[in-house]
Amino acid sequence: MRKKYLERQIKNIEELTKVIDSLDLDEGVRLLGFKKDSEDGGFIFISTVHSLIKSNQKYCINITDRIFNDESGIYLPGGKEEFLYAPNVEEVMKYIEKNALKPLKAWCY
């Protein structure tokens, strides 16, 4: 049995900024975004960095392909993955503004 996580849709960029700024270690954000080399676009996942060493990188931006799963009938993350890091919410938002789909399609979990 697959475990499901509760998600809440984020309505606008202002709410998204507040959610990202207040993420706990076990929370994250999922957005639909562009991927140049993917037919179905991609997912952008935002989470906080979990590190035991001192780092100025507070956020992890995980970009992954969005692949349609015929068996389940939904899009799932898969394929190529890339990890970027940002020191603050302002840098995360710059990335999102350039790469997220418009209108915004985002959820927090």
N, C-alpha and C. Protein backbone atom coordinates (compact mmCIF):
# COMPACT_ATOMS: atom_id res chain seq x y z
N MET A 1 0.84 -1.18 0.00
CA MET A 1 0.00 0.00 0.00
C MET A 1 0.88 1.24 0.00
N ARG A 2 0.58 2.15 -0.91
CA ARG A 2 1.36 3.36 -1.03
C ARG A 2 0.88 4.41 -0.04
N LYS A 3 1.81 5.07 0.63
CA LYS A 3 1.48 6.10 1.60
C LYS A 3 1.22 7.40 0.86
N LYS A 4 0.15 8.08 1.22
CA LYS A 4 -0.17 9.36 0.60
C LYS A 4 0.12 10.50 1.57
N TYR A 5 0.59 11.58 1.04
CA TYR A 5 0.88 12.76 1.84
C TYR A 5 -0.17 13.82 1.55
N LEU A 6 -0.57 14.52 2.58
CA LEU A 6 -1.52 15.60 2.40
C LEU A 6 -0.81 16.79 1.76
N GLU A 7 -1.43 17.33 0.74
CA GLU A 7 -0.89 18.51 0.07
C GLU A 7 -1.95 19.60 0.09
N ARG A 8 -1.46 20.82 0.12
CA ARG A 8 -2.36 21.97 0.04
C ARG A 8 -1.88 22.85 -1.10
N GLN A 9 -2.81 23.24 -1.96
CA GLN A 9 -2.43 24.08 -3.10
C GLN A 9 -2.09 25.48 -2.63
N ILE A 10 -1.05 26.03 -3.23
CA ILE A 10 -0.62 27.40 -2.95
C ILE A 10 -1.21 28.29 -4.04
N LYS A 11 -1.88 29.36 -3.65
CA LYS A 11 -2.68 30.14 -4.58
C LYS A 11 -1.92 31.22 -5.35
N ASN A 12 -0.87 31.79 -4.75
CA ASN A 12 -0.19 32.89 -5.43
C ASN A 12 1.27 32.98 -4.97
N ILE A 13 2.01 33.84 -5.63
CA ILE A 13 3.45 33.96 -5.39
C ILE A 13 3.75 34.50 -3.99
N GLU A 14 2.88 35.36 -3.46
CA GLU A 14 3.08 35.89 -2.12
C GLU A 14 2.96 34.77 -1.08
N GLU A 15 1.92 33.93 -1.24
CA GLU A 15 1.75 32.80 -0.33
C GLU A 15 2.93 31.83 -0.46
N LEU A 16 3.38 31.59 -1.68
CA LEU A 16 4.51 30.70 -1.92
C LEU A 16 5.75 31.19 -1.19
N THR A 17 6.02 32.48 -1.26
CA THR A 17 7.18 33.06 -0.58
C THR A 17 7.10 32.82 0.92
N LYS A 18 5.93 33.04 1.51
CA LYS A 18 5.74 32.83 2.95
C LYS A 18 5.92 31.36 3.33
N VAL A 19 5.38 30.46 2.51
CA VAL A 19 5.49 29.03 2.80
C VAL A 19 6.95 28.60 2.76
N ILE A 20 7.68 29.01 1.73
CA ILE A 20 9.09 28.63 1.62
C ILE A 20 9.90 29.20 2.77
N ASP A 21 9.62 30.44 3.14
CA ASP A 21 10.36 31.10 4.22
C ASP A 21 10.14 30.42 5.57
N SER A 22 9.03 29.71 5.72
CA SER A 22 8.72 29.09 7.02
C SER A 22 8.76 27.56 6.99
N LEU A 23 9.41 26.95 5.98
CA LEU A 23 9.48 25.49 5.89
C LEU A 23 10.17 24.87 7.09
N ASP A 24 9.56 23.80 7.62
CA ASP A 24 10.21 22.98 8.63
C ASP A 24 11.01 21.89 7.92
N LEU A 25 11.82 21.15 8.68
CA LEU A 25 12.68 20.13 8.09
C LEU A 25 11.91 19.02 7.38
N ASP A 26 10.68 18.75 7.81
CA ASP A 26 9.90 17.66 7.19
C ASP A 26 8.84 18.17 6.22
N GLU A 27 8.96 19.41 5.78
CA GLU A 27 8.02 20.00 4.84
C GLU A 27 8.71 20.33 3.53
N GLY A 28 7.91 20.55 2.49
CA GLY A 28 8.46 20.92 1.20
C GLY A 28 7.41 21.53 0.31
N VAL A 29 7.85 21.95 -0.87
CA VAL A 29 6.98 22.56 -1.87
C VAL A 29 7.23 21.86 -3.19
N ARG A 30 6.15 21.58 -3.93
CA ARG A 30 6.24 21.00 -5.27
C ARG A 30 5.60 21.97 -6.24
N LEU A 31 6.31 22.27 -7.33
CA LEU A 31 5.81 23.17 -8.37
C LEU A 31 5.94 22.49 -9.73
N LEU A 32 5.10 22.90 -10.66
CA LEU A 32 5.30 22.50 -12.05
C LEU A 32 6.21 23.53 -12.68
N GLY A 33 7.17 23.04 -13.47
CA GLY A 33 8.13 23.96 -14.08
C GLY A 33 8.53 23.51 -15.46
N PHE A 34 9.41 24.29 -16.06
CA PHE A 34 9.92 24.00 -17.40
C PHE A 34 11.14 23.12 -17.30
N LYS A 35 11.30 22.22 -18.25
CA LYS A 35 12.55 21.48 -18.44
C LYS A 35 12.77 21.42 -19.94
N LYS A 36 13.83 22.03 -20.39
CA LYS A 36 14.10 22.13 -21.83
C LYS A 36 14.15 20.77 -22.51
N ASP A 37 14.69 19.78 -21.82
CA ASP A 37 14.89 18.47 -22.44
C ASP A 37 13.81 17.45 -22.08
N SER A 38 12.63 17.91 -21.65
CA SER A 38 11.57 17.00 -21.25
C SER A 38 10.26 17.40 -21.93
N GLU A 39 9.60 16.46 -22.57
CA GLU A 39 8.34 16.73 -23.26
C GLU A 39 7.24 17.17 -22.31
N ASP A 40 7.18 16.57 -21.12
CA ASP A 40 6.10 16.83 -20.18
C ASP A 40 6.45 17.88 -19.13
N GLY A 41 7.53 18.61 -19.33
CA GLY A 41 7.94 19.60 -18.34
C GLY A 41 8.64 18.93 -17.18
N GLY A 42 8.61 19.57 -16.05
CA GLY A 42 9.30 19.02 -14.90
C GLY A 42 8.66 19.44 -13.60
N PHE A 43 9.15 18.83 -12.55
CA PHE A 43 8.77 19.22 -11.19
C PHE A 43 9.93 19.99 -10.59
N ILE A 44 9.59 20.96 -9.76
CA ILE A 44 10.57 21.67 -8.94
C ILE A 44 10.17 21.40 -7.50
N PHE A 45 11.09 20.84 -6.73
CA PHE A 45 10.84 20.59 -5.31
C PHE A 45 11.74 21.51 -4.50
N ILE A 46 11.17 22.15 -3.49
CA ILE A 46 11.93 23.03 -2.60
C ILE A 46 11.87 22.45 -1.20
N SER A 47 13.02 22.34 -0.56
CA SER A 47 13.07 21.88 0.83
C SER A 47 14.22 22.60 1.54
N THR A 48 14.26 22.43 2.85
CA THR A 48 15.38 23.00 3.59
C THR A 48 16.53 22.01 3.56
N VAL A 49 17.74 22.51 3.73
CA VAL A 49 18.94 21.68 3.71
C VAL A 49 19.12 21.05 5.09
N HIS A 50 19.35 19.75 5.12
CA HIS A 50 19.63 19.02 6.35
C HIS A 50 21.12 18.72 6.37
N SER A 51 21.86 19.44 7.17
CA SER A 51 23.31 19.25 7.18
C SER A 51 23.85 19.36 8.59
N LEU A 52 24.78 18.48 8.90
CA LEU A 52 25.43 18.55 10.21
C LEU A 52 26.64 19.47 10.18
N ILE A 53 27.08 19.84 8.98
CA ILE A 53 28.20 20.77 8.87
C ILE A 53 27.66 22.17 8.62
N LYS A 54 28.42 23.15 9.03
CA LYS A 54 27.99 24.54 8.81
C LYS A 54 27.97 24.83 7.31
N SER A 55 26.88 25.44 6.88
CA SER A 55 26.74 25.76 5.47
C SER A 55 25.91 27.03 5.35
N ASN A 56 26.20 27.82 4.34
CA ASN A 56 25.38 29.01 4.11
C ASN A 56 24.22 28.69 3.17
N GLN A 57 24.09 27.44 2.79
CA GLN A 57 23.01 27.03 1.88
C GLN A 57 21.83 26.52 2.71
N LYS A 58 20.74 27.29 2.72
CA LYS A 58 19.58 26.95 3.55
C LYS A 58 18.54 26.13 2.79
N TYR A 59 18.46 26.28 1.47
CA TYR A 59 17.42 25.63 0.68
C TYR A 59 18.00 24.74 -0.41
N CYS A 60 17.31 23.64 -0.65
CA CYS A 60 17.64 22.75 -1.75
C CYS A 60 16.54 22.88 -2.80
N ILE A 61 16.95 23.07 -4.05
CA ILE A 61 16.03 23.12 -5.19
C ILE A 61 16.32 21.87 -6.02
N ASN A 62 15.35 20.97 -6.06
CA ASN A 62 15.51 19.70 -6.78
C ASN A 62 14.65 19.78 -8.04
N ILE A 63 15.28 19.68 -9.20
CA ILE A 63 14.59 19.73 -10.49
C ILE A 63 14.60 18.33 -11.07
N THR A 64 13.44 17.83 -11.46
CA THR A 64 13.35 16.49 -11.99
C THR A 64 12.35 16.43 -13.14
N ASP A 65 12.52 15.44 -14.01
CA ASP A 65 11.57 15.24 -15.10
C ASP A 65 10.20 14.89 -14.53
N ARG A 66 9.19 15.15 -15.31
CA ARG A 66 7.80 14.83 -14.98
C ARG A 66 7.36 13.78 -16.00
N ILE A 67 7.17 12.54 -15.54
CA ILE A 67 6.93 11.42 -16.44
C ILE A 67 5.55 10.84 -16.18
N PHE A 68 4.78 10.65 -17.26
CA PHE A 68 3.45 10.08 -17.12
C PHE A 68 3.56 8.58 -16.88
N ASN A 69 2.89 8.10 -15.84
CA ASN A 69 2.89 6.68 -15.49
C ASN A 69 1.58 6.08 -15.98
N ASP A 70 1.65 5.22 -17.00
CA ASP A 70 0.46 4.61 -17.58
C ASP A 70 -0.32 3.78 -16.58
N GLU A 71 0.38 3.10 -15.70
CA GLU A 71 -0.27 2.22 -14.72
C GLU A 71 -1.14 3.01 -13.73
N SER A 72 -0.60 4.10 -13.21
CA SER A 72 -1.35 4.88 -12.22
C SER A 72 -2.17 6.00 -12.84
N GLY A 73 -1.82 6.39 -14.07
CA GLY A 73 -2.54 7.47 -14.74
C GLY A 73 -2.20 8.86 -14.24
N ILE A 74 -1.05 9.00 -13.58
CA ILE A 74 -0.63 10.31 -13.08
C ILE A 74 0.82 10.58 -13.46
N TYR A 75 1.22 11.85 -13.34
CA TYR A 75 2.61 12.23 -13.57
C TYR A 75 3.40 12.01 -12.29
N LEU A 76 4.58 11.45 -12.44
CA LEU A 76 5.46 11.18 -11.31
C LEU A 76 6.84 11.77 -11.58
N PRO A 77 7.60 12.09 -10.53
CA PRO A 77 8.97 12.52 -10.73
C PRO A 77 9.81 11.33 -11.21
N GLY A 78 10.76 11.60 -12.06
CA GLY A 78 11.63 10.54 -12.54
C GLY A 78 12.62 11.06 -13.55
N GLY A 79 13.42 10.16 -14.09
CA GLY A 79 14.38 10.56 -15.11
C GLY A 79 15.52 11.37 -14.53
N LYS A 80 15.90 12.39 -15.27
CA LYS A 80 17.03 13.22 -14.87
C LYS A 80 16.68 14.09 -13.66
N GLU A 81 17.67 14.25 -12.78
CA GLU A 81 17.51 15.05 -11.58
C GLU A 81 18.69 15.99 -11.46
N GLU A 82 18.42 17.17 -10.93
CA GLU A 82 19.47 18.14 -10.70
C GLU A 82 19.20 18.80 -9.35
N PHE A 83 20.27 19.06 -8.60
CA PHE A 83 20.14 19.70 -7.30
C PHE A 83 20.87 21.03 -7.31
N LEU A 84 20.18 22.07 -6.88
CA LEU A 84 20.76 23.40 -6.73
C LEU A 84 20.56 23.81 -5.28
N TYR A 85 21.36 24.76 -4.81
CA TYR A 85 21.25 25.20 -3.42
C TYR A 85 21.21 26.72 -3.38
N ALA A 86 20.46 27.24 -2.41
CA ALA A 86 20.32 28.69 -2.28
C ALA A 86 20.43 29.08 -0.82
N PRO A 87 21.03 30.25 -0.56
CA PRO A 87 21.23 30.67 0.82
C PRO A 87 20.01 31.32 1.48
N ASN A 88 19.05 31.77 0.66
CA ASN A 88 17.90 32.48 1.24
C ASN A 88 16.68 32.38 0.33
N VAL A 89 15.55 32.78 0.87
CA VAL A 89 14.29 32.67 0.13
C VAL A 89 14.28 33.56 -1.11
N GLU A 90 14.98 34.67 -1.07
CA GLU A 90 15.03 35.58 -2.24
C GLU A 90 15.66 34.88 -3.45
N GLU A 91 16.73 34.14 -3.22
CA GLU A 91 17.38 33.41 -4.32
C GLU A 91 16.50 32.28 -4.85
N VAL A 92 15.79 31.61 -3.94
CA VAL A 92 14.85 30.56 -4.36
C VAL A 92 13.77 31.18 -5.24
N MET A 93 13.23 32.30 -4.82
CA MET A 93 12.15 32.95 -5.58
C MET A 93 12.63 33.43 -6.95
N LYS A 94 13.87 33.86 -7.07
CA LYS A 94 14.43 34.25 -8.37
C LYS A 94 14.42 33.05 -9.31
N TYR A 95 14.82 31.89 -8.80
CA TYR A 95 14.82 30.68 -9.61
C TYR A 95 13.38 30.33 -10.03
N ILE A 96 12.47 30.37 -9.09
CA ILE A 96 11.07 30.02 -9.37
C ILE A 96 10.47 30.96 -10.40
N GLU A 97 10.72 32.24 -10.26
CA GLU A 97 10.16 33.22 -11.21
C GLU A 97 10.62 32.94 -12.63
N LYS A 98 11.84 32.44 -12.79
CA LYS A 98 12.37 32.13 -14.13
C LYS A 98 11.90 30.79 -14.66
N ASN A 99 11.63 29.82 -13.76
CA ASN A 99 11.45 28.44 -14.20
C ASN A 99 10.10 27.79 -13.90
N ALA A 100 9.27 28.38 -13.08
CA ALA A 100 7.97 27.78 -12.76
C ALA A 100 6.96 28.10 -13.86
N LEU A 101 6.01 27.19 -14.05
CA LEU A 101 4.93 27.43 -15.00
C LEU A 101 4.10 28.62 -14.56
N LYS A 102 3.56 29.31 -15.53
CA LYS A 102 2.64 30.41 -15.27
C LYS A 102 1.35 30.12 -16.01
N PRO A 103 0.21 30.16 -15.35
CA PRO A 103 0.03 30.55 -13.95
C PRO A 103 0.63 29.52 -13.00
N LEU A 104 0.94 29.98 -11.80
CA LEU A 104 1.57 29.18 -10.79
C LEU A 104 0.77 27.93 -10.46
N LYS A 105 1.46 26.79 -10.43
CA LYS A 105 0.86 25.52 -9.99
C LYS A 105 1.80 24.96 -8.95
N ALA A 106 1.45 25.16 -7.66
CA ALA A 106 2.33 24.79 -6.56
C ALA A 106 1.53 24.23 -5.40
N TRP A 107 2.17 23.31 -4.66
CA TRP A 107 1.55 22.67 -3.51
C TRP A 107 2.58 22.54 -2.39
N CYS A 108 2.14 22.66 -1.15
CA CYS A 108 3.02 22.40 -0.02
C CYS A 108 2.60 21.07 0.61
N TYR A 109 3.57 20.40 1.18
CA TYR A 109 3.32 19.11 1.82
C TYR A 109 4.09 19.01 3.12
